[in-house]
Amino acid sequence: MRGKAGVMSEPDSQLPHNEVLAVIDRRHSIRVFSEDNVPDAFLRAILQAANAAPSAHNQQSWRFTILKGEKRKELAALVTERANDFPRPASVLLRMAARSIVGAPVVIGIVNSGSLIEHGTELFEIGRDEAYDFFRTMEIQSSAAAVENMLLAATSLGLGAVWLGILFLIKDEIRTFLGEPAGEFMAVIPVGYPAKPATGPKKQALDEVLRYLE
């Protein structure tokens, strides 16, 4: 529905209930978790959802690593130690990330494998540097779609999760910790049952970020 000046207004009450849209609306970043374990069937369903995401050339150039128990604590310790090497704003966020990692019953690491980059630079007859940038971006886009599927699947199952973007500051160390000899670190996602009900931050109104070209 269009509003003033050709801008779409918020959906009206005639929009039928849609569970996918309801899950998207309920999804918030959860950083504090209860001690309840995540059932293995739930974890596998989350990973299946991630693996079903669209990917460039259907390469699925992602790798998932599940961290539990001591490995989860070791990752949190690594992040805390490295936090000392950064100015206060970044250091604070890294320490917050470490607390989310150690407080979640399970953590999922995602790494771009580099297979699309390797395949694409051989396939496309363009400069190698240009091809590398192009296919690296496509790997990032593909894995970002997988992570979003993961976050929505977790929400649909009554779980909470958070994408710890600050860990990109130590991406090479994270990738090495995850045991990936090649590729590029993409994301670390703590997953668990929320410790308490949470609401997300207020979003910009759709009209503020939408325009039409006709």
N, C-alpha and C. Protein backbone atom coordinates (compact mmCIF):
# COMPACT_ATOMS: atom_id res chain seq x y z
N MET A 1 0.85 -1.19 0.00
CA MET A 1 0.00 0.00 0.00
C MET A 1 0.89 1.25 0.00
N ARG A 2 0.55 2.22 -0.86
CA ARG A 2 1.35 3.44 -0.93
C ARG A 2 0.84 4.49 0.04
N GLY A 3 1.78 5.20 0.64
CA GLY A 3 1.44 6.32 1.48
C GLY A 3 1.66 7.61 0.70
N LYS A 4 1.89 8.70 1.40
CA LYS A 4 2.13 9.98 0.75
C LYS A 4 3.45 9.96 0.00
N ALA A 5 3.54 10.78 -1.03
CA ALA A 5 4.75 10.96 -1.82
C ALA A 5 5.25 9.64 -2.40
N GLY A 6 4.32 8.72 -2.71
CA GLY A 6 4.71 7.49 -3.36
C GLY A 6 5.46 6.52 -2.46
N VAL A 7 5.40 6.70 -1.15
CA VAL A 7 6.13 5.82 -0.23
C VAL A 7 5.17 4.82 0.37
N MET A 8 5.61 3.57 0.46
CA MET A 8 4.73 2.51 0.98
C MET A 8 4.47 2.73 2.46
N SER A 9 3.23 2.58 2.87
CA SER A 9 2.88 2.70 4.27
C SER A 9 3.02 1.35 4.96
N GLU A 10 2.84 1.32 6.28
CA GLU A 10 2.91 0.07 7.02
C GLU A 10 1.77 -0.85 6.58
N PRO A 11 1.96 -2.19 6.61
CA PRO A 11 0.90 -3.11 6.19
C PRO A 11 -0.37 -2.88 7.00
N ASP A 12 -1.52 -3.06 6.35
CA ASP A 12 -2.77 -2.86 7.07
C ASP A 12 -3.22 -4.16 7.73
N SER A 13 -4.32 -4.09 8.46
CA SER A 13 -4.78 -5.21 9.25
C SER A 13 -5.30 -6.36 8.39
N GLN A 14 -5.42 -6.17 7.08
CA GLN A 14 -5.93 -7.22 6.22
C GLN A 14 -4.84 -8.21 5.82
N LEU A 15 -3.60 -7.93 6.18
CA LEU A 15 -2.52 -8.86 5.87
C LEU A 15 -2.73 -10.13 6.70
N PRO A 16 -2.83 -11.30 6.07
CA PRO A 16 -3.08 -12.53 6.83
C PRO A 16 -1.88 -12.88 7.70
N HIS A 17 -2.16 -13.63 8.77
CA HIS A 17 -1.07 -14.06 9.64
C HIS A 17 -0.10 -14.93 8.84
N ASN A 18 1.16 -14.65 9.03
CA ASN A 18 2.21 -15.40 8.34
C ASN A 18 3.28 -15.74 9.37
N GLU A 19 3.52 -17.01 9.60
CA GLU A 19 4.43 -17.42 10.66
C GLU A 19 5.87 -16.98 10.38
N VAL A 20 6.27 -16.98 9.12
CA VAL A 20 7.63 -16.53 8.79
C VAL A 20 7.83 -15.07 9.20
N LEU A 21 6.86 -14.22 8.83
CA LEU A 21 6.95 -12.81 9.19
C LEU A 21 6.88 -12.63 10.70
N ALA A 22 6.11 -13.47 11.38
CA ALA A 22 6.02 -13.40 12.84
C ALA A 22 7.35 -13.75 13.49
N VAL A 23 8.04 -14.75 12.97
CA VAL A 23 9.36 -15.13 13.50
C VAL A 23 10.37 -14.00 13.26
N ILE A 24 10.34 -13.41 12.08
CA ILE A 24 11.23 -12.29 11.80
C ILE A 24 11.01 -11.16 12.80
N ASP A 25 9.75 -10.89 13.10
CA ASP A 25 9.42 -9.81 14.04
C ASP A 25 9.89 -10.15 15.46
N ARG A 26 9.86 -11.43 15.82
CA ARG A 26 10.26 -11.84 17.17
C ARG A 26 11.77 -11.94 17.34
N ARG A 27 12.52 -12.02 16.25
CA ARG A 27 13.95 -12.24 16.38
C ARG A 27 14.65 -11.02 16.96
N HIS A 28 15.38 -11.23 18.05
CA HIS A 28 16.20 -10.19 18.65
C HIS A 28 17.55 -10.80 19.00
N SER A 29 18.55 -9.97 19.13
CA SER A 29 19.86 -10.46 19.55
C SER A 29 19.82 -10.78 21.04
N ILE A 30 20.09 -12.03 21.39
CA ILE A 30 20.08 -12.50 22.77
C ILE A 30 21.52 -12.75 23.21
N ARG A 31 21.93 -12.08 24.27
CA ARG A 31 23.33 -12.19 24.72
C ARG A 31 23.49 -12.89 26.06
N VAL A 32 22.39 -13.09 26.78
CA VAL A 32 22.43 -13.74 28.10
C VAL A 32 21.51 -14.96 28.05
N PHE A 33 22.05 -16.10 28.46
CA PHE A 33 21.34 -17.36 28.27
C PHE A 33 21.14 -18.09 29.60
N SER A 34 20.11 -18.94 29.62
CA SER A 34 19.89 -19.80 30.77
C SER A 34 20.87 -20.97 30.71
N GLU A 35 20.84 -21.81 31.73
CA GLU A 35 21.74 -22.97 31.77
C GLU A 35 21.17 -24.18 31.04
N ASP A 36 19.98 -24.06 30.50
CA ASP A 36 19.35 -25.20 29.81
C ASP A 36 20.10 -25.54 28.53
N ASN A 37 20.31 -26.81 28.30
CA ASN A 37 20.99 -27.26 27.09
C ASN A 37 20.09 -27.15 25.87
N VAL A 38 20.70 -27.01 24.73
CA VAL A 38 19.97 -27.01 23.46
C VAL A 38 19.86 -28.45 22.98
N PRO A 39 18.65 -28.97 22.78
CA PRO A 39 18.51 -30.34 22.28
C PRO A 39 19.25 -30.54 20.96
N ASP A 40 19.87 -31.70 20.80
CA ASP A 40 20.62 -31.97 19.58
C ASP A 40 19.76 -31.84 18.33
N ALA A 41 18.50 -32.26 18.43
CA ALA A 41 17.61 -32.16 17.27
C ALA A 41 17.38 -30.70 16.89
N PHE A 42 17.29 -29.81 17.90
CA PHE A 42 17.11 -28.39 17.63
C PHE A 42 18.36 -27.81 16.96
N LEU A 43 19.53 -28.19 17.48
CA LEU A 43 20.78 -27.70 16.92
C LEU A 43 20.92 -28.13 15.47
N ARG A 44 20.61 -29.37 15.19
CA ARG A 44 20.71 -29.86 13.82
C ARG A 44 19.72 -29.14 12.91
N ALA A 45 18.53 -28.87 13.41
CA ALA A 45 17.55 -28.14 12.60
C ALA A 45 18.04 -26.74 12.26
N ILE A 46 18.70 -26.09 13.21
CA ILE A 46 19.26 -24.76 12.96
C ILE A 46 20.33 -24.81 11.88
N LEU A 47 21.18 -25.83 11.96
CA LEU A 47 22.25 -25.96 10.97
C LEU A 47 21.70 -26.37 9.60
N GLN A 48 20.65 -27.17 9.59
CA GLN A 48 20.01 -27.52 8.32
C GLN A 48 19.43 -26.28 7.66
N ALA A 49 18.84 -25.41 8.47
CA ALA A 49 18.29 -24.17 7.93
C ALA A 49 19.40 -23.30 7.34
N ALA A 50 20.53 -23.23 8.03
CA ALA A 50 21.66 -22.46 7.52
C ALA A 50 22.17 -23.05 6.21
N ASN A 51 22.25 -24.36 6.15
CA ASN A 51 22.78 -25.03 4.96
C ASN A 51 21.83 -24.93 3.77
N ALA A 52 20.57 -24.58 4.03
CA ALA A 52 19.58 -24.44 2.96
C ALA A 52 19.56 -23.03 2.37
N ALA A 53 20.39 -22.13 2.88
CA ALA A 53 20.39 -20.74 2.41
C ALA A 53 20.85 -20.67 0.95
N PRO A 54 20.45 -19.63 0.24
CA PRO A 54 20.95 -19.45 -1.12
C PRO A 54 22.45 -19.15 -1.09
N SER A 55 23.15 -19.68 -2.08
CA SER A 55 24.60 -19.42 -2.16
C SER A 55 25.01 -19.23 -3.61
N ALA A 56 25.97 -18.37 -3.82
CA ALA A 56 26.43 -18.06 -5.18
C ALA A 56 26.93 -19.32 -5.87
N HIS A 57 26.42 -19.55 -7.08
CA HIS A 57 26.79 -20.72 -7.88
C HIS A 57 26.54 -22.02 -7.13
N ASN A 58 25.67 -21.98 -6.11
CA ASN A 58 25.36 -23.14 -5.27
C ASN A 58 26.62 -23.80 -4.72
N GLN A 59 27.64 -23.00 -4.47
CA GLN A 59 28.90 -23.54 -3.97
C GLN A 59 28.85 -23.88 -2.48
N GLN A 60 27.90 -23.27 -1.74
CA GLN A 60 27.80 -23.49 -0.29
C GLN A 60 29.20 -23.39 0.35
N SER A 61 29.84 -22.28 0.09
CA SER A 61 31.23 -22.10 0.52
C SER A 61 31.29 -21.67 1.98
N TRP A 62 30.63 -22.46 2.83
CA TRP A 62 30.63 -22.20 4.27
C TRP A 62 31.00 -23.48 5.00
N ARG A 63 31.54 -23.31 6.19
CA ARG A 63 31.84 -24.43 7.07
C ARG A 63 31.33 -24.07 8.46
N PHE A 64 30.66 -25.00 9.12
CA PHE A 64 30.11 -24.78 10.45
C PHE A 64 30.88 -25.62 11.48
N THR A 65 31.23 -25.00 12.58
CA THR A 65 31.91 -25.70 13.67
C THR A 65 31.11 -25.50 14.95
N ILE A 66 30.77 -26.59 15.63
CA ILE A 66 30.02 -26.53 16.88
C ILE A 66 30.99 -26.58 18.05
N LEU A 67 30.85 -25.62 18.96
CA LEU A 67 31.70 -25.56 20.15
C LEU A 67 30.86 -25.76 21.39
N LYS A 68 31.28 -26.71 22.23
CA LYS A 68 30.63 -26.94 23.51
C LYS A 68 31.70 -27.10 24.58
N GLY A 69 31.28 -27.14 25.83
CA GLY A 69 32.17 -27.47 26.93
C GLY A 69 33.43 -26.64 26.99
N GLU A 70 34.56 -27.31 27.12
CA GLU A 70 35.83 -26.61 27.31
C GLU A 70 36.23 -25.77 26.10
N LYS A 71 35.94 -26.24 24.90
CA LYS A 71 36.32 -25.47 23.71
C LYS A 71 35.62 -24.12 23.70
N ARG A 72 34.38 -24.09 24.12
CA ARG A 72 33.64 -22.83 24.22
C ARG A 72 34.33 -21.90 25.22
N LYS A 73 34.75 -22.46 26.36
CA LYS A 73 35.44 -21.65 27.37
C LYS A 73 36.80 -21.17 26.87
N GLU A 74 37.49 -22.00 26.11
CA GLU A 74 38.78 -21.60 25.56
C GLU A 74 38.64 -20.45 24.57
N LEU A 75 37.59 -20.49 23.77
CA LEU A 75 37.35 -19.39 22.84
C LEU A 75 37.07 -18.11 23.60
N ALA A 76 36.24 -18.18 24.63
CA ALA A 76 35.94 -17.00 25.44
C ALA A 76 37.21 -16.44 26.07
N ALA A 77 38.09 -17.32 26.53
CA ALA A 77 39.35 -16.88 27.14
C ALA A 77 40.24 -16.19 26.11
N LEU A 78 40.27 -16.72 24.90
CA LEU A 78 41.05 -16.09 23.83
C LEU A 78 40.54 -14.69 23.55
N VAL A 79 39.23 -14.55 23.44
CA VAL A 79 38.64 -13.24 23.14
C VAL A 79 38.93 -12.26 24.28
N THR A 80 38.81 -12.70 25.52
CA THR A 80 39.08 -11.83 26.67
C THR A 80 40.53 -11.38 26.69
N GLU A 81 41.43 -12.29 26.41
CA GLU A 81 42.86 -11.94 26.41
C GLU A 81 43.18 -10.92 25.32
N ARG A 82 42.63 -11.12 24.14
CA ARG A 82 42.91 -10.20 23.03
C ARG A 82 42.24 -8.84 23.25
N ALA A 83 41.20 -8.79 24.06
CA ALA A 83 40.53 -7.53 24.33
C ALA A 83 41.48 -6.51 24.93
N ASN A 84 42.50 -6.99 25.63
CA ASN A 84 43.47 -6.08 26.26
C ASN A 84 44.29 -5.30 25.25
N ASP A 85 44.31 -5.75 24.00
CA ASP A 85 45.15 -5.14 22.97
C ASP A 85 44.43 -4.06 22.18
N PHE A 86 43.19 -3.76 22.54
CA PHE A 86 42.41 -2.80 21.77
C PHE A 86 41.99 -1.61 22.63
N PRO A 87 41.74 -0.46 22.00
CA PRO A 87 41.21 0.70 22.74
C PRO A 87 39.91 0.35 23.43
N ARG A 88 39.53 1.15 24.42
CA ARG A 88 38.41 0.82 25.30
C ARG A 88 37.11 0.47 24.58
N PRO A 89 36.65 1.23 23.57
CA PRO A 89 35.37 0.87 22.95
C PRO A 89 35.35 -0.55 22.40
N ALA A 90 36.40 -0.92 21.67
CA ALA A 90 36.47 -2.27 21.11
C ALA A 90 36.70 -3.30 22.21
N SER A 91 37.52 -2.94 23.20
CA SER A 91 37.81 -3.86 24.30
C SER A 91 36.54 -4.23 25.06
N VAL A 92 35.69 -3.25 25.32
CA VAL A 92 34.44 -3.50 26.05
C VAL A 92 33.55 -4.46 25.26
N LEU A 93 33.44 -4.24 23.96
CA LEU A 93 32.58 -5.10 23.14
C LEU A 93 33.15 -6.52 23.04
N LEU A 94 34.46 -6.64 22.99
CA LEU A 94 35.07 -7.97 22.95
C LEU A 94 34.81 -8.73 24.25
N ARG A 95 34.88 -8.03 25.38
CA ARG A 95 34.61 -8.68 26.67
C ARG A 95 33.13 -9.08 26.78
N MET A 96 32.26 -8.26 26.25
CA MET A 96 30.84 -8.62 26.23
C MET A 96 30.63 -9.88 25.38
N ALA A 97 31.32 -9.93 24.25
CA ALA A 97 31.22 -11.10 23.38
C ALA A 97 31.70 -12.35 24.10
N ALA A 98 32.80 -12.22 24.82
CA ALA A 98 33.34 -13.36 25.56
C ALA A 98 32.33 -13.87 26.59
N ARG A 99 31.63 -12.96 27.26
CA ARG A 99 30.63 -13.38 28.24
C ARG A 99 29.47 -14.12 27.58
N SER A 100 29.07 -13.67 26.39
CA SER A 100 28.01 -14.37 25.68
C SER A 100 28.46 -15.77 25.27
N ILE A 101 29.71 -15.88 24.85
CA ILE A 101 30.24 -17.19 24.43
C ILE A 101 30.27 -18.16 25.59
N VAL A 102 30.81 -17.73 26.72
CA VAL A 102 30.94 -18.63 27.85
C VAL A 102 29.58 -18.91 28.51
N GLY A 103 28.62 -18.01 28.32
CA GLY A 103 27.31 -18.17 28.95
C GLY A 103 26.33 -19.00 28.13
N ALA A 104 26.65 -19.25 26.87
CA ALA A 104 25.76 -20.03 26.01
C ALA A 104 26.12 -21.51 26.07
N PRO A 105 25.14 -22.40 26.03
CA PRO A 105 25.45 -23.82 26.06
C PRO A 105 26.12 -24.33 24.79
N VAL A 106 25.91 -23.63 23.69
CA VAL A 106 26.52 -24.04 22.43
C VAL A 106 26.85 -22.80 21.61
N VAL A 107 27.96 -22.87 20.88
CA VAL A 107 28.41 -21.77 20.03
C VAL A 107 28.69 -22.35 18.65
N ILE A 108 28.27 -21.63 17.63
CA ILE A 108 28.50 -22.08 16.25
C ILE A 108 29.43 -21.10 15.55
N GLY A 109 30.53 -21.62 15.00
CA GLY A 109 31.46 -20.81 14.23
C GLY A 109 31.22 -21.04 12.74
N ILE A 110 31.27 -19.97 11.97
CA ILE A 110 31.07 -20.06 10.52
C ILE A 110 32.30 -19.47 9.83
N VAL A 111 32.83 -20.22 8.89
CA VAL A 111 34.00 -19.77 8.12
C VAL A 111 33.70 -19.92 6.64
N ASN A 112 34.08 -18.92 5.85
CA ASN A 112 34.03 -19.04 4.40
C ASN A 112 35.20 -19.91 3.95
N SER A 113 34.92 -20.91 3.15
CA SER A 113 35.96 -21.89 2.80
C SER A 113 36.94 -21.39 1.75
N GLY A 114 36.53 -20.42 0.93
CA GLY A 114 37.39 -19.96 -0.17
C GLY A 114 37.18 -20.75 -1.45
N SER A 115 36.31 -21.76 -1.42
CA SER A 115 36.12 -22.60 -2.61
C SER A 115 35.51 -21.82 -3.78
N LEU A 116 34.61 -20.89 -3.47
CA LEU A 116 33.99 -20.09 -4.53
C LEU A 116 35.03 -19.16 -5.15
N ILE A 117 35.88 -18.59 -4.32
CA ILE A 117 36.95 -17.71 -4.83
C ILE A 117 37.85 -18.49 -5.78
N GLU A 118 38.25 -19.67 -5.35
CA GLU A 118 39.13 -20.50 -6.18
C GLU A 118 38.45 -20.91 -7.48
N HIS A 119 37.21 -21.33 -7.38
CA HIS A 119 36.47 -21.76 -8.57
C HIS A 119 36.21 -20.58 -9.50
N GLY A 120 35.83 -19.45 -8.93
CA GLY A 120 35.46 -18.31 -9.75
C GLY A 120 36.60 -17.67 -10.49
N THR A 121 37.75 -17.55 -9.83
CA THR A 121 38.89 -16.91 -10.49
C THR A 121 39.40 -17.74 -11.66
N GLU A 122 39.14 -19.04 -11.64
CA GLU A 122 39.50 -19.89 -12.78
C GLU A 122 38.45 -19.82 -13.88
N LEU A 123 37.20 -19.63 -13.48
CA LEU A 123 36.09 -19.65 -14.43
C LEU A 123 35.94 -18.34 -15.19
N PHE A 124 36.09 -17.22 -14.51
CA PHE A 124 35.87 -15.92 -15.13
C PHE A 124 37.16 -15.39 -15.75
N GLU A 125 37.05 -14.92 -16.99
CA GLU A 125 38.22 -14.40 -17.70
C GLU A 125 38.36 -12.90 -17.45
N ILE A 126 38.59 -12.57 -16.19
CA ILE A 126 38.86 -11.18 -15.82
C ILE A 126 40.10 -11.18 -14.95
N GLY A 127 40.60 -9.97 -14.66
CA GLY A 127 41.81 -9.87 -13.84
C GLY A 127 41.67 -10.63 -12.53
N ARG A 128 42.75 -11.25 -12.07
CA ARG A 128 42.68 -12.08 -10.87
C ARG A 128 42.28 -11.26 -9.65
N ASP A 129 42.82 -10.05 -9.50
CA ASP A 129 42.46 -9.22 -8.35
C ASP A 129 40.99 -8.85 -8.37
N GLU A 130 40.49 -8.50 -9.54
CA GLU A 130 39.08 -8.15 -9.69
C GLU A 130 38.19 -9.36 -9.39
N ALA A 131 38.58 -10.51 -9.90
CA ALA A 131 37.81 -11.73 -9.65
C ALA A 131 37.84 -12.10 -8.18
N TYR A 132 38.97 -11.92 -7.52
CA TYR A 132 39.08 -12.24 -6.10
C TYR A 132 38.11 -11.40 -5.28
N ASP A 133 38.09 -10.09 -5.53
CA ASP A 133 37.19 -9.20 -4.80
C ASP A 133 35.73 -9.57 -5.06
N PHE A 134 35.43 -9.88 -6.31
CA PHE A 134 34.06 -10.22 -6.70
C PHE A 134 33.58 -11.48 -5.98
N PHE A 135 34.37 -12.53 -6.04
CA PHE A 135 33.93 -13.79 -5.46
C PHE A 135 34.09 -13.83 -3.94
N ARG A 136 35.00 -13.04 -3.40
CA ARG A 136 35.06 -12.93 -1.93
C ARG A 136 33.78 -12.30 -1.41
N THR A 137 33.31 -11.25 -2.10
CA THR A 137 32.06 -10.61 -1.71
C THR A 137 30.90 -11.59 -1.81
N MET A 138 30.90 -12.41 -2.84
CA MET A 138 29.82 -13.38 -3.00
C MET A 138 29.86 -14.44 -1.89
N GLU A 139 31.05 -14.82 -1.46
CA GLU A 139 31.15 -15.76 -0.34
C GLU A 139 30.58 -15.13 0.94
N ILE A 140 30.91 -13.87 1.17
CA ILE A 140 30.38 -13.18 2.35
C ILE A 140 28.86 -13.09 2.28
N GLN A 141 28.33 -12.74 1.11
CA GLN A 141 26.88 -12.65 0.95
C GLN A 141 26.21 -14.00 1.21
N SER A 142 26.80 -15.06 0.70
CA SER A 142 26.23 -16.39 0.87
C SER A 142 26.21 -16.79 2.34
N SER A 143 27.33 -16.60 3.03
CA SER A 143 27.40 -16.99 4.43
C SER A 143 26.51 -16.10 5.30
N ALA A 144 26.37 -14.83 4.93
CA ALA A 144 25.46 -13.95 5.67
C ALA A 144 24.03 -14.46 5.57
N ALA A 145 23.64 -14.95 4.39
CA ALA A 145 22.31 -15.53 4.24
C ALA A 145 22.16 -16.77 5.12
N ALA A 146 23.21 -17.58 5.21
CA ALA A 146 23.18 -18.78 6.05
C ALA A 146 23.04 -18.40 7.52
N VAL A 147 23.75 -17.37 7.95
CA VAL A 147 23.67 -16.92 9.34
C VAL A 147 22.27 -16.40 9.66
N GLU A 148 21.68 -15.63 8.76
CA GLU A 148 20.32 -15.13 9.00
C GLU A 148 19.33 -16.29 9.12
N ASN A 149 19.46 -17.30 8.26
CA ASN A 149 18.60 -18.48 8.38
C ASN A 149 18.78 -19.12 9.76
N MET A 150 20.01 -19.17 10.21
CA MET A 150 20.32 -19.76 11.51
C MET A 150 19.64 -18.98 12.63
N LEU A 151 19.72 -17.67 12.60
CA LEU A 151 19.11 -16.83 13.63
C LEU A 151 17.59 -16.98 13.65
N LEU A 152 16.99 -17.03 12.46
CA LEU A 152 15.53 -17.17 12.39
C LEU A 152 15.08 -18.56 12.83
N ALA A 153 15.84 -19.58 12.45
CA ALA A 153 15.49 -20.94 12.88
C ALA A 153 15.56 -21.05 14.39
N ALA A 154 16.59 -20.47 15.00
CA ALA A 154 16.72 -20.50 16.46
C ALA A 154 15.51 -19.83 17.11
N THR A 155 15.12 -18.68 16.59
CA THR A 155 13.95 -17.96 17.13
C THR A 155 12.69 -18.80 17.01
N SER A 156 12.52 -19.46 15.88
CA SER A 156 11.31 -20.25 15.65
C SER A 156 11.20 -21.41 16.62
N LEU A 157 12.33 -21.86 17.17
CA LEU A 157 12.36 -22.98 18.10
C LEU A 157 12.35 -22.53 19.56
N GLY A 158 12.15 -21.23 19.79
CA GLY A 158 12.12 -20.71 21.15
C GLY A 158 13.48 -20.44 21.74
N LEU A 159 14.51 -20.47 20.90
CA LEU A 159 15.88 -20.21 21.34
C LEU A 159 16.26 -18.77 21.05
N GLY A 160 17.40 -18.35 21.59
CA GLY A 160 17.96 -17.04 21.31
C GLY A 160 19.36 -17.20 20.73
N ALA A 161 19.81 -16.20 20.01
CA ALA A 161 21.14 -16.24 19.41
C ALA A 161 21.59 -14.81 19.14
N VAL A 162 22.89 -14.66 18.92
CA VAL A 162 23.44 -13.34 18.60
C VAL A 162 24.62 -13.51 17.66
N TRP A 163 24.73 -12.61 16.71
CA TRP A 163 25.85 -12.58 15.77
C TRP A 163 26.90 -11.64 16.34
N LEU A 164 28.04 -12.18 16.76
CA LEU A 164 29.08 -11.38 17.42
C LEU A 164 30.03 -10.79 16.37
N GLY A 165 29.59 -9.71 15.74
CA GLY A 165 30.37 -9.09 14.67
C GLY A 165 31.71 -8.53 15.11
N ILE A 166 31.83 -8.16 16.39
CA ILE A 166 33.07 -7.55 16.88
C ILE A 166 34.26 -8.50 16.75
N LEU A 167 34.00 -9.80 16.68
CA LEU A 167 35.09 -10.77 16.61
C LEU A 167 35.85 -10.70 15.29
N PHE A 168 35.31 -9.98 14.32
CA PHE A 168 36.05 -9.78 13.07
C PHE A 168 37.38 -9.09 13.31
N LEU A 169 37.49 -8.36 14.42
CA LEU A 169 38.77 -7.70 14.75
C LEU A 169 39.89 -8.70 14.96
N ILE A 170 39.56 -9.92 15.32
CA ILE A 170 40.58 -10.95 15.54
C ILE A 170 40.26 -12.17 14.65
N LYS A 171 39.87 -11.90 13.42
CA LYS A 171 39.34 -12.93 12.53
C LYS A 171 40.33 -14.04 12.25
N ASP A 172 41.60 -13.71 12.06
CA ASP A 172 42.57 -14.76 11.74
C ASP A 172 42.77 -15.71 12.92
N GLU A 173 42.78 -15.16 14.12
CA GLU A 173 42.93 -16.02 15.31
C GLU A 173 41.70 -16.89 15.52
N ILE A 174 40.51 -16.33 15.24
CA ILE A 174 39.29 -17.11 15.38
C ILE A 174 39.29 -18.26 14.38
N ARG A 175 39.65 -17.97 13.14
CA ARG A 175 39.68 -19.02 12.11
C ARG A 175 40.64 -20.13 12.51
N THR A 176 41.81 -19.75 12.99
CA THR A 176 42.79 -20.75 13.42
C THR A 176 42.25 -21.56 14.59
N PHE A 177 41.61 -20.89 15.55
CA PHE A 177 41.04 -21.59 16.71
C PHE A 177 40.00 -22.61 16.26
N LEU A 178 39.21 -22.25 15.25
CA LEU A 178 38.18 -23.15 14.75
C LEU A 178 38.74 -24.32 13.96
N GLY A 179 40.06 -24.31 13.75
CA GLY A 179 40.69 -25.42 13.05
C GLY A 179 40.56 -25.38 11.55
N GLU A 180 40.32 -24.17 11.01
CA GLU A 180 40.19 -24.02 9.56
C GLU A 180 41.52 -23.53 8.99
N PRO A 181 42.22 -24.34 8.21
CA PRO A 181 43.54 -23.95 7.69
C PRO A 181 43.50 -22.90 6.60
N ALA A 182 42.32 -22.75 5.96
CA ALA A 182 42.20 -21.78 4.87
C ALA A 182 40.84 -21.11 4.96
N GLY A 183 40.62 -20.16 4.04
CA GLY A 183 39.34 -19.46 4.04
C GLY A 183 39.39 -18.23 4.93
N GLU A 184 38.20 -17.78 5.33
CA GLU A 184 38.09 -16.52 6.07
C GLU A 184 36.99 -16.62 7.12
N PHE A 185 37.30 -16.15 8.32
CA PHE A 185 36.31 -16.13 9.39
C PHE A 185 35.10 -15.30 8.99
N MET A 186 33.92 -15.80 9.33
CA MET A 186 32.69 -15.09 9.00
C MET A 186 31.91 -14.68 10.25
N ALA A 187 31.62 -15.63 11.14
CA ALA A 187 30.76 -15.29 12.28
C ALA A 187 30.91 -16.31 13.40
N VAL A 188 30.59 -15.84 14.62
CA VAL A 188 30.44 -16.71 15.78
C VAL A 188 29.06 -16.43 16.37
N ILE A 189 28.28 -17.49 16.57
CA ILE A 189 26.89 -17.36 17.00
C ILE A 189 26.67 -18.17 18.28
N PRO A 190 26.61 -17.54 19.46
CA PRO A 190 26.16 -18.25 20.66
C PRO A 190 24.67 -18.54 20.56
N VAL A 191 24.26 -19.73 21.01
CA VAL A 191 22.86 -20.15 20.92
C VAL A 191 22.44 -20.77 22.25
N GLY A 192 21.24 -20.43 22.69
CA GLY A 192 20.71 -21.03 23.91
C GLY A 192 19.33 -20.47 24.21
N TYR A 193 18.75 -20.91 25.30
CA TYR A 193 17.47 -20.36 25.73
C TYR A 193 17.71 -19.02 26.42
N PRO A 194 16.94 -17.99 26.06
CA PRO A 194 17.13 -16.68 26.70
C PRO A 194 16.96 -16.76 28.21
N ALA A 195 17.82 -16.04 28.94
CA ALA A 195 17.72 -16.02 30.40
C ALA A 195 16.47 -15.29 30.85
N LYS A 196 15.99 -14.36 30.03
CA LYS A 196 14.78 -13.61 30.36
C LYS A 196 14.18 -13.08 29.07
N PRO A 197 12.91 -12.72 29.08
CA PRO A 197 12.29 -12.16 27.88
C PRO A 197 13.04 -10.89 27.46
N ALA A 198 13.15 -10.71 26.16
CA ALA A 198 13.89 -9.55 25.66
C ALA A 198 13.17 -8.93 24.49
N THR A 199 13.33 -7.65 24.35
CA THR A 199 12.82 -6.93 23.19
C THR A 199 13.99 -6.26 22.50
N GLY A 200 13.90 -6.14 21.20
CA GLY A 200 14.99 -5.53 20.45
C GLY A 200 14.91 -4.02 20.46
N PRO A 201 15.95 -3.37 19.93
CA PRO A 201 15.94 -1.91 19.85
C PRO A 201 14.91 -1.43 18.84
N LYS A 202 14.49 -0.21 18.99
CA LYS A 202 13.52 0.36 18.06
C LYS A 202 14.17 0.54 16.70
N LYS A 203 13.51 0.08 15.68
CA LYS A 203 14.02 0.18 14.32
C LYS A 203 13.54 1.48 13.66
N GLN A 204 14.30 1.92 12.68
CA GLN A 204 13.84 3.04 11.88
C GLN A 204 12.55 2.65 11.17
N ALA A 205 11.66 3.59 11.00
CA ALA A 205 10.43 3.33 10.26
C ALA A 205 10.78 3.00 8.82
N LEU A 206 10.02 2.08 8.22
CA LEU A 206 10.28 1.68 6.84
C LEU A 206 10.33 2.88 5.91
N ASP A 207 9.44 3.85 6.13
CA ASP A 207 9.39 5.00 5.24
C ASP A 207 10.69 5.79 5.23
N GLU A 208 11.47 5.66 6.29
CA GLU A 208 12.74 6.41 6.37
C GLU A 208 13.85 5.79 5.54
N VAL A 209 13.69 4.52 5.16
CA VAL A 209 14.76 3.84 4.44
C VAL A 209 14.31 3.34 3.06
N LEU A 210 13.13 3.74 2.64
CA LEU A 210 12.55 3.24 1.40
C LEU A 210 12.33 4.37 0.42
N ARG A 211 12.64 4.10 -0.84
CA ARG A 211 12.30 5.04 -1.91
C ARG A 211 11.98 4.25 -3.16
N TYR A 212 11.30 4.87 -4.11
CA TYR A 212 10.90 4.22 -5.34
C TYR A 212 11.57 4.92 -6.52
N LEU A 213 12.01 4.15 -7.49
CA LEU A 213 12.46 4.67 -8.78
C LEU A 213 11.57 4.02 -9.84
N GLU A 214 10.84 4.84 -10.55
CA GLU A 214 9.92 4.31 -11.56
C GLU A 214 10.16 4.95 -12.92
